[in-house]
Amino acid sequence: MRKALLIVLSFAAAVLGWGWWQAQTHADVHVAVNDLALKTPNLRWGALRSGTLVLHDAGGQALAHAYVTGEHLIKFSDAPASACDRYERQASFDAAAREGWGRCYAARSAWQAGWAGKVAFASVDTGRCTIGKAPVQARRYDDWWLWWVPLPHVGGSASASYAFEIFIDSAACTALSPGP
């Protein structure tokens, strides 16, 4: 009985240990650039639809480069992240593309985990103006301990998730404090 309990506890520790390690070494990053100049009667701000941005650490070092391709669509242009697009379009119907996407996603999530926790501010180019040192509101979500649950909307990736929000006013060409 004691041996069986030890085996079960060892297995549970291994499963949770792997999930913790995965969350430390892999991350998904989502970025929203909210523009006060795009507000409507129903919304306090709109999503920037085109432009580029650079995420920086507190010392000003560039961590990642991205471009805005539409409302809520931020694509990283750095090499480990940009290569996944070619697989993503074909992955739903091509096994080789699914394998390529899996390898690419693993590399991209490892790359993002290397810098995501260091983001302090962003430089945003809207096409009309460049806004430097826009504060980034960062949130990290750690649900790694649920990765093994085989239920929809519960289990899933053991990667950490980061949500970055940037607030600007492109009409005034200025950065705003998070959550205006």
C-alpha atoms as a PDB file:
ATOM      1  CA  MET A   1       0.000   0.000   0.000  1.00  0.00           C
ATOM      2  CA  ARG A   2       2.767   2.423   0.917  1.00  0.00           C
ATOM      3  CA  LYS A   3       4.653   1.629  -2.272  1.00  0.00           C
ATOM      4  CA  ALA A   4       1.540   2.275  -4.409  1.00  0.00           C
ATOM      5  CA  LEU A   5       0.965   5.597  -2.645  1.00  0.00           C
ATOM      6  CA  LEU A   6       4.593   6.567  -3.207  1.00  0.00           C
ATOM      7  CA  ILE A   7       4.274   5.722  -6.922  1.00  0.00           C
ATOM      8  CA  VAL A   8       1.084   7.789  -7.266  1.00  0.00           C
ATOM      9  CA  LEU A   9       2.600  10.752  -5.426  1.00  0.00           C
ATOM     10  CA  SER A  10       5.792  10.537  -7.490  1.00  0.00           C
ATOM     11  CA  PHE A  11       3.767  10.477 -10.697  1.00  0.00           C
ATOM     12  CA  ALA A  12       1.680  13.490  -9.582  1.00  0.00           C
ATOM     13  CA  ALA A  13       4.842  15.384  -8.625  1.00  0.00           C
ATOM     14  CA  ALA A  14       6.407  14.600 -12.009  1.00  0.00           C
ATOM     15  CA  VAL A  15       3.295  15.777 -13.897  1.00  0.00           C
ATOM     16  CA  LEU A  16       3.071  19.015 -11.920  1.00  0.00           C
ATOM     17  CA  GLY A  17       6.847  19.510 -12.045  1.00  0.00           C
ATOM     18  CA  TRP A  18       6.841  19.229 -15.822  1.00  0.00           C
ATOM     19  CA  GLY A  19       3.974  21.749 -16.037  1.00  0.00           C
ATOM     20  CA  TRP A  20       5.827  24.210 -13.797  1.00  0.00           C
ATOM     21  CA  TRP A  21       9.031  23.851 -15.832  1.00  0.00           C
ATOM     22  CA  GLN A  22       7.102  24.297 -19.093  1.00  0.00           C
ATOM     23  CA  ALA A  23       5.487  27.498 -17.776  1.00  0.00           C
ATOM     24  CA  GLN A  24       8.917  28.869 -16.852  1.00  0.00           C
ATOM     25  CA  THR A  25      10.418  28.139 -20.276  1.00  0.00           C
ATOM     26  CA  HIS A  26       7.458  28.721 -22.655  1.00  0.00           C
ATOM     27  CA  ALA A  27       5.023  31.633 -22.954  1.00  0.00           C
ATOM     28  CA  ASP A  28       2.235  32.977 -25.132  1.00  0.00           C
ATOM     29  CA  VAL A  29       2.227  36.763 -25.535  1.00  0.00           C
ATOM     30  CA  HIS A  30      -0.814  38.806 -26.542  1.00  0.00           C
ATOM     31  CA  VAL A  31      -0.589  42.559 -27.115  1.00  0.00           C
ATOM     32  CA  ALA A  32      -3.371  45.132 -27.387  1.00  0.00           C
ATOM     33  CA  VAL A  33      -2.684  48.721 -28.483  1.00  0.00           C
ATOM     34  CA  ASN A  34      -5.659  50.844 -27.419  1.00  0.00           C
ATOM     35  CA  ASP A  35      -6.018  54.221 -29.109  1.00  0.00           C
ATOM     36  CA  LEU A  36      -8.082  56.937 -27.427  1.00  0.00           C
ATOM     37  CA  ALA A  37      -8.323  58.750 -30.797  1.00  0.00           C
ATOM     38  CA  LEU A  38     -10.427  55.839 -32.095  1.00  0.00           C
ATOM     39  CA  LYS A  39     -13.071  56.090 -29.374  1.00  0.00           C
ATOM     40  CA  THR A  40     -16.741  55.882 -30.291  1.00  0.00           C
ATOM     41  CA  PRO A  41     -19.902  56.762 -28.382  1.00  0.00           C
ATOM     42  CA  ASN A  42     -19.963  53.170 -27.125  1.00  0.00           C
ATOM     43  CA  LEU A  43     -16.237  52.562 -26.563  1.00  0.00           C
ATOM     44  CA  ARG A  44     -13.667  54.455 -24.473  1.00  0.00           C
ATOM     45  CA  TRP A  45     -10.979  53.662 -27.090  1.00  0.00           C
ATOM     46  CA  GLY A  46     -10.472  51.646 -30.244  1.00  0.00           C
ATOM     47  CA  ALA A  47      -7.826  49.139 -31.237  1.00  0.00           C
ATOM     48  CA  LEU A  48      -4.948  50.447 -33.333  1.00  0.00           C
ATOM     49  CA  ARG A  49      -5.387  48.914 -36.811  1.00  0.00           C
ATOM     50  CA  SER A  50      -1.958  49.522 -38.355  1.00  0.00           C
ATOM     51  CA  GLY A  51       1.509  50.441 -37.228  1.00  0.00           C
ATOM     52  CA  THR A  52       4.575  48.959 -35.623  1.00  0.00           C
ATOM     53  CA  LEU A  53       5.764  48.602 -32.084  1.00  0.00           C
ATOM     54  CA  VAL A  54       8.881  47.689 -30.175  1.00  0.00           C
ATOM     55  CA  LEU A  55       8.693  46.265 -26.657  1.00  0.00           C
ATOM     56  CA  HIS A  56      11.514  47.420 -24.355  1.00  0.00           C
ATOM     57  CA  ASP A  57      12.875  46.477 -20.946  1.00  0.00           C
ATOM     58  CA  ALA A  58      13.321  49.085 -18.189  1.00  0.00           C
ATOM     59  CA  GLY A  59      16.800  49.944 -19.492  1.00  0.00           C
ATOM     60  CA  GLY A  60      15.491  50.689 -22.996  1.00  0.00           C
ATOM     61  CA  GLN A  61      16.800  47.546 -24.696  1.00  0.00           C
ATOM     62  CA  ALA A  62      14.528  46.311 -27.490  1.00  0.00           C
ATOM     63  CA  LEU A  63      13.099  42.901 -26.612  1.00  0.00           C
ATOM     64  CA  ALA A  64      10.689  42.267 -29.503  1.00  0.00           C
ATOM     65  CA  HIS A  65       9.452  43.951 -32.683  1.00  0.00           C
ATOM     66  CA  ALA A  66       5.901  43.634 -33.958  1.00  0.00           C
ATOM     67  CA  TYR A  67       3.479  45.093 -36.437  1.00  0.00           C
ATOM     68  CA  VAL A  68      -0.265  45.631 -36.300  1.00  0.00           C
ATOM     69  CA  THR A  69      -2.124  43.964 -39.163  1.00  0.00           C
ATOM     70  CA  GLY A  70      -5.687  44.742 -38.157  1.00  0.00           C
ATOM     71  CA  GLU A  71      -7.856  45.228 -35.130  1.00  0.00           C
ATOM     72  CA  HIS A  72      -6.396  43.089 -32.314  1.00  0.00           C
ATOM     73  CA  LEU A  73      -3.883  41.402 -34.663  1.00  0.00           C
ATOM     74  CA  ILE A  74      -0.304  41.899 -33.530  1.00  0.00           C
ATOM     75  CA  LYS A  75       2.360  39.865 -35.344  1.00  0.00           C
ATOM     76  CA  PHE A  76       5.899  39.603 -34.067  1.00  0.00           C
ATOM     77  CA  SER A  77       8.424  40.208 -36.807  1.00  0.00           C
ATOM     78  CA  ASP A  78      11.473  38.803 -35.012  1.00  0.00           C
ATOM     79  CA  ALA A  79      12.783  35.611 -36.620  1.00  0.00           C
ATOM     80  CA  PRO A  80      11.618  33.042 -34.033  1.00  0.00           C
ATOM     81  CA  ALA A  81       8.070  34.384 -34.207  1.00  0.00           C
ATOM     82  CA  SER A  82       7.558  35.391 -37.814  1.00  0.00           C
ATOM     83  CA  ALA A  83       8.295  31.998 -39.360  1.00  0.00           C
ATOM     84  CA  CYS A  84       5.150  30.388 -37.909  1.00  0.00           C
ATOM     85  CA  ASP A  85       2.779  32.227 -40.251  1.00  0.00           C
ATOM     86  CA  ARG A  86       3.700  30.071 -43.217  1.00  0.00           C
ATOM     87  CA  TYR A  87       2.638  26.910 -41.353  1.00  0.00           C
ATOM     88  CA  GLU A  88      -0.401  28.402 -39.651  1.00  0.00           C
ATOM     89  CA  ARG A  89      -2.316  28.938 -42.887  1.00  0.00           C
ATOM     90  CA  GLN A  90      -1.965  25.285 -43.944  1.00  0.00           C
ATOM     91  CA  ALA A  91      -1.912  23.445 -40.596  1.00  0.00           C
ATOM     92  CA  SER A  92      -5.615  22.606 -40.571  1.00  0.00           C
ATOM     93  CA  PHE A  93      -5.389  20.422 -43.671  1.00  0.00           C
ATOM     94  CA  ASP A  94      -1.729  19.403 -44.050  1.00  0.00           C
ATOM     95  CA  ALA A  95       0.067  17.018 -41.647  1.00  0.00           C
ATOM     96  CA  ALA A  96       3.533  18.306 -42.604  1.00  0.00           C
ATOM     97  CA  ALA A  97       2.400  21.874 -41.946  1.00  0.00           C
ATOM     98  CA  ARG A  98       0.998  20.808 -38.541  1.00  0.00           C
ATOM     99  CA  GLU A  99       4.375  19.307 -37.634  1.00  0.00           C
ATOM    100  CA  GLY A 100       6.176  22.428 -38.842  1.00  0.00           C
ATOM    101  CA  TRP A 101       3.791  24.624 -36.889  1.00  0.00           C
ATOM    102  CA  GLY A 102       4.355  22.539 -33.742  1.00  0.00           C
ATOM    103  CA  ARG A 103       8.131  22.956 -34.006  1.00  0.00           C
ATOM    104  CA  CYS A 104       7.792  26.633 -34.827  1.00  0.00           C
ATOM    105  CA  TYR A 105       5.345  27.248 -31.949  1.00  0.00           C
ATOM    106  CA  ALA A 106       7.700  25.526 -29.496  1.00  0.00           C
ATOM    107  CA  ALA A 107      10.576  27.781 -30.630  1.00  0.00           C
ATOM    108  CA  ARG A 108       8.394  30.909 -30.555  1.00  0.00           C
ATOM    109  CA  SER A 109       7.006  30.204 -27.080  1.00  0.00           C
ATOM    110  CA  ALA A 110      10.509  29.534 -25.728  1.00  0.00           C
ATOM    111  CA  TRP A 111      11.707  32.804 -27.296  1.00  0.00           C
ATOM    112  CA  GLN A 112       8.771  34.744 -25.802  1.00  0.00           C
ATOM    113  CA  ALA A 113       9.389  33.269 -22.343  1.00  0.00           C
ATOM    114  CA  GLY A 114      12.907  34.670 -22.497  1.00  0.00           C
ATOM    115  CA  TRP A 115      11.771  38.298 -22.602  1.00  0.00           C
ATOM    116  CA  ALA A 116       8.078  38.598 -21.716  1.00  0.00           C
ATOM    117  CA  GLY A 117       8.647  39.083 -18.003  1.00  0.00           C
ATOM    118  CA  LYS A 118      11.009  42.009 -18.663  1.00  0.00           C
ATOM    119  CA  VAL A 119       8.716  44.292 -20.709  1.00  0.00           C
ATOM    120  CA  ALA A 120       8.418  47.781 -19.214  1.00  0.00           C
ATOM    121  CA  PHE A 121       7.398  50.089 -22.071  1.00  0.00           C
ATOM    122  CA  ALA A 122       6.795  50.221 -25.812  1.00  0.00           C
ATOM    123  CA  SER A 123       7.571  52.487 -28.749  1.00  0.00           C
ATOM    124  CA  VAL A 124       4.592  52.730 -31.092  1.00  0.00           C
ATOM    125  CA  ASP A 125       4.663  54.043 -34.669  1.00  0.00           C
ATOM    126  CA  THR A 126       1.131  54.691 -35.903  1.00  0.00           C
ATOM    127  CA  GLY A 127       2.181  55.790 -39.382  1.00  0.00           C
ATOM    128  CA  ARG A 128       1.339  59.405 -38.523  1.00  0.00           C
ATOM    129  CA  CYS A 129       3.608  59.702 -35.504  1.00  0.00           C
ATOM    130  CA  THR A 130       5.971  57.794 -33.241  1.00  0.00           C
ATOM    131  CA  ILE A 131       5.196  57.520 -29.558  1.00  0.00           C
ATOM    132  CA  GLY A 132       8.114  56.565 -27.348  1.00  0.00           C
ATOM    133  CA  LYS A 133       8.034  55.123 -23.849  1.00  0.00           C
ATOM    134  CA  ALA A 134       4.366  54.150 -23.758  1.00  0.00           C
ATOM    135  CA  PRO A 135       3.847  52.303 -20.451  1.00  0.00           C
ATOM    136  CA  VAL A 136       2.841  48.666 -20.809  1.00  0.00           C
ATOM    137  CA  GLN A 137       0.252  47.210 -18.480  1.00  0.00           C
ATOM    138  CA  ALA A 138       1.391  43.598 -18.124  1.00  0.00           C
ATOM    139  CA  ARG A 139      -0.498  40.640 -16.703  1.00  0.00           C
ATOM    140  CA  ARG A 140       0.870  37.122 -16.369  1.00  0.00           C
ATOM    141  CA  TYR A 141      -1.480  34.173 -16.089  1.00  0.00           C
ATOM    142  CA  ASP A 142      -0.174  30.936 -14.653  1.00  0.00           C
ATOM    143  CA  ASP A 143      -2.603  28.076 -15.033  1.00  0.00           C
ATOM    144  CA  TRP A 144       0.207  25.589 -15.643  1.00  0.00           C
ATOM    145  CA  TRP A 145      -0.989  23.269 -12.901  1.00  0.00           C
ATOM    146  CA  LEU A 146      -4.194  22.570 -14.904  1.00  0.00           C
ATOM    147  CA  TRP A 147      -2.462  21.569 -18.165  1.00  0.00           C
ATOM    148  CA  TRP A 148      -3.123  17.858 -17.671  1.00  0.00           C
ATOM    149  CA  VAL A 149      -6.939  18.112 -17.144  1.00  0.00           C
ATOM    150  CA  PRO A 150      -8.613  16.510 -20.210  1.00  0.00           C
ATOM    151  CA  LEU A 151     -11.673  18.787 -20.185  1.00  0.00           C
ATOM    152  CA  PRO A 152     -12.530  21.594 -22.613  1.00  0.00           C
ATOM    153  CA  HIS A 153     -11.720  25.066 -21.248  1.00  0.00           C
ATOM    154  CA  VAL A 154      -9.789  23.616 -18.293  1.00  0.00           C
ATOM    155  CA  GLY A 155      -6.655  21.858 -19.439  1.00  0.00           C
ATOM    156  CA  GLY A 156      -4.424  22.949 -22.245  1.00  0.00           C
ATOM    157  CA  SER A 157      -1.044  24.517 -22.608  1.00  0.00           C
ATOM    158  CA  ALA A 158       1.355  24.520 -19.703  1.00  0.00           C
ATOM    159  CA  SER A 159       2.853  27.735 -21.075  1.00  0.00           C
ATOM    160  CA  ALA A 160       2.616  30.981 -19.161  1.00  0.00           C
ATOM    161  CA  SER A 161       0.376  33.603 -20.756  1.00  0.00           C
ATOM    162  CA  TYR A 162       1.164  37.305 -20.870  1.00  0.00           C
ATOM    163  CA  ALA A 163      -1.337  40.012 -21.781  1.00  0.00           C
ATOM    164  CA  PHE A 164       0.151  43.422 -22.556  1.00  0.00           C
ATOM    165  CA  GLU A 165      -1.996  46.521 -22.952  1.00  0.00           C
ATOM    166  CA  ILE A 166      -0.679  49.794 -24.304  1.00  0.00           C
ATOM    167  CA  PHE A 167      -2.743  52.982 -24.245  1.00  0.00           C
ATOM    168  CA  ILE A 168      -2.039  55.843 -26.664  1.00  0.00           C
ATOM    169  CA  ASP A 169      -3.734  58.856 -28.182  1.00  0.00           C
ATOM    170  CA  SER A 170      -2.612  58.916 -31.818  1.00  0.00           C
ATOM    171  CA  ALA A 171      -4.338  62.268 -32.453  1.00  0.00           C
ATOM    172  CA  ALA A 172      -2.222  63.940 -29.760  1.00  0.00           C
ATOM    173  CA  CYS A 173       0.751  61.648 -30.483  1.00  0.00           C
ATOM    174  CA  THR A 174       1.143  60.760 -26.818  1.00  0.00           C
ATOM    175  CA  ALA A 175       1.252  57.777 -24.507  1.00  0.00           C
ATOM    176  CA  LEU A 176      -1.374  57.434 -21.803  1.00  0.00           C
ATOM    177  CA  SER A 177      -1.165  55.844 -18.400  1.00  0.00           C
ATOM    178  CA  PRO A 178      -2.545  52.286 -18.387  1.00  0.00           C
ATOM    179  CA  GLY A 179      -6.309  52.188 -18.282  1.00  0.00           C
ATOM    180  CA  PRO A 180      -7.299  55.817 -19.064  1.00  0.00           C
END
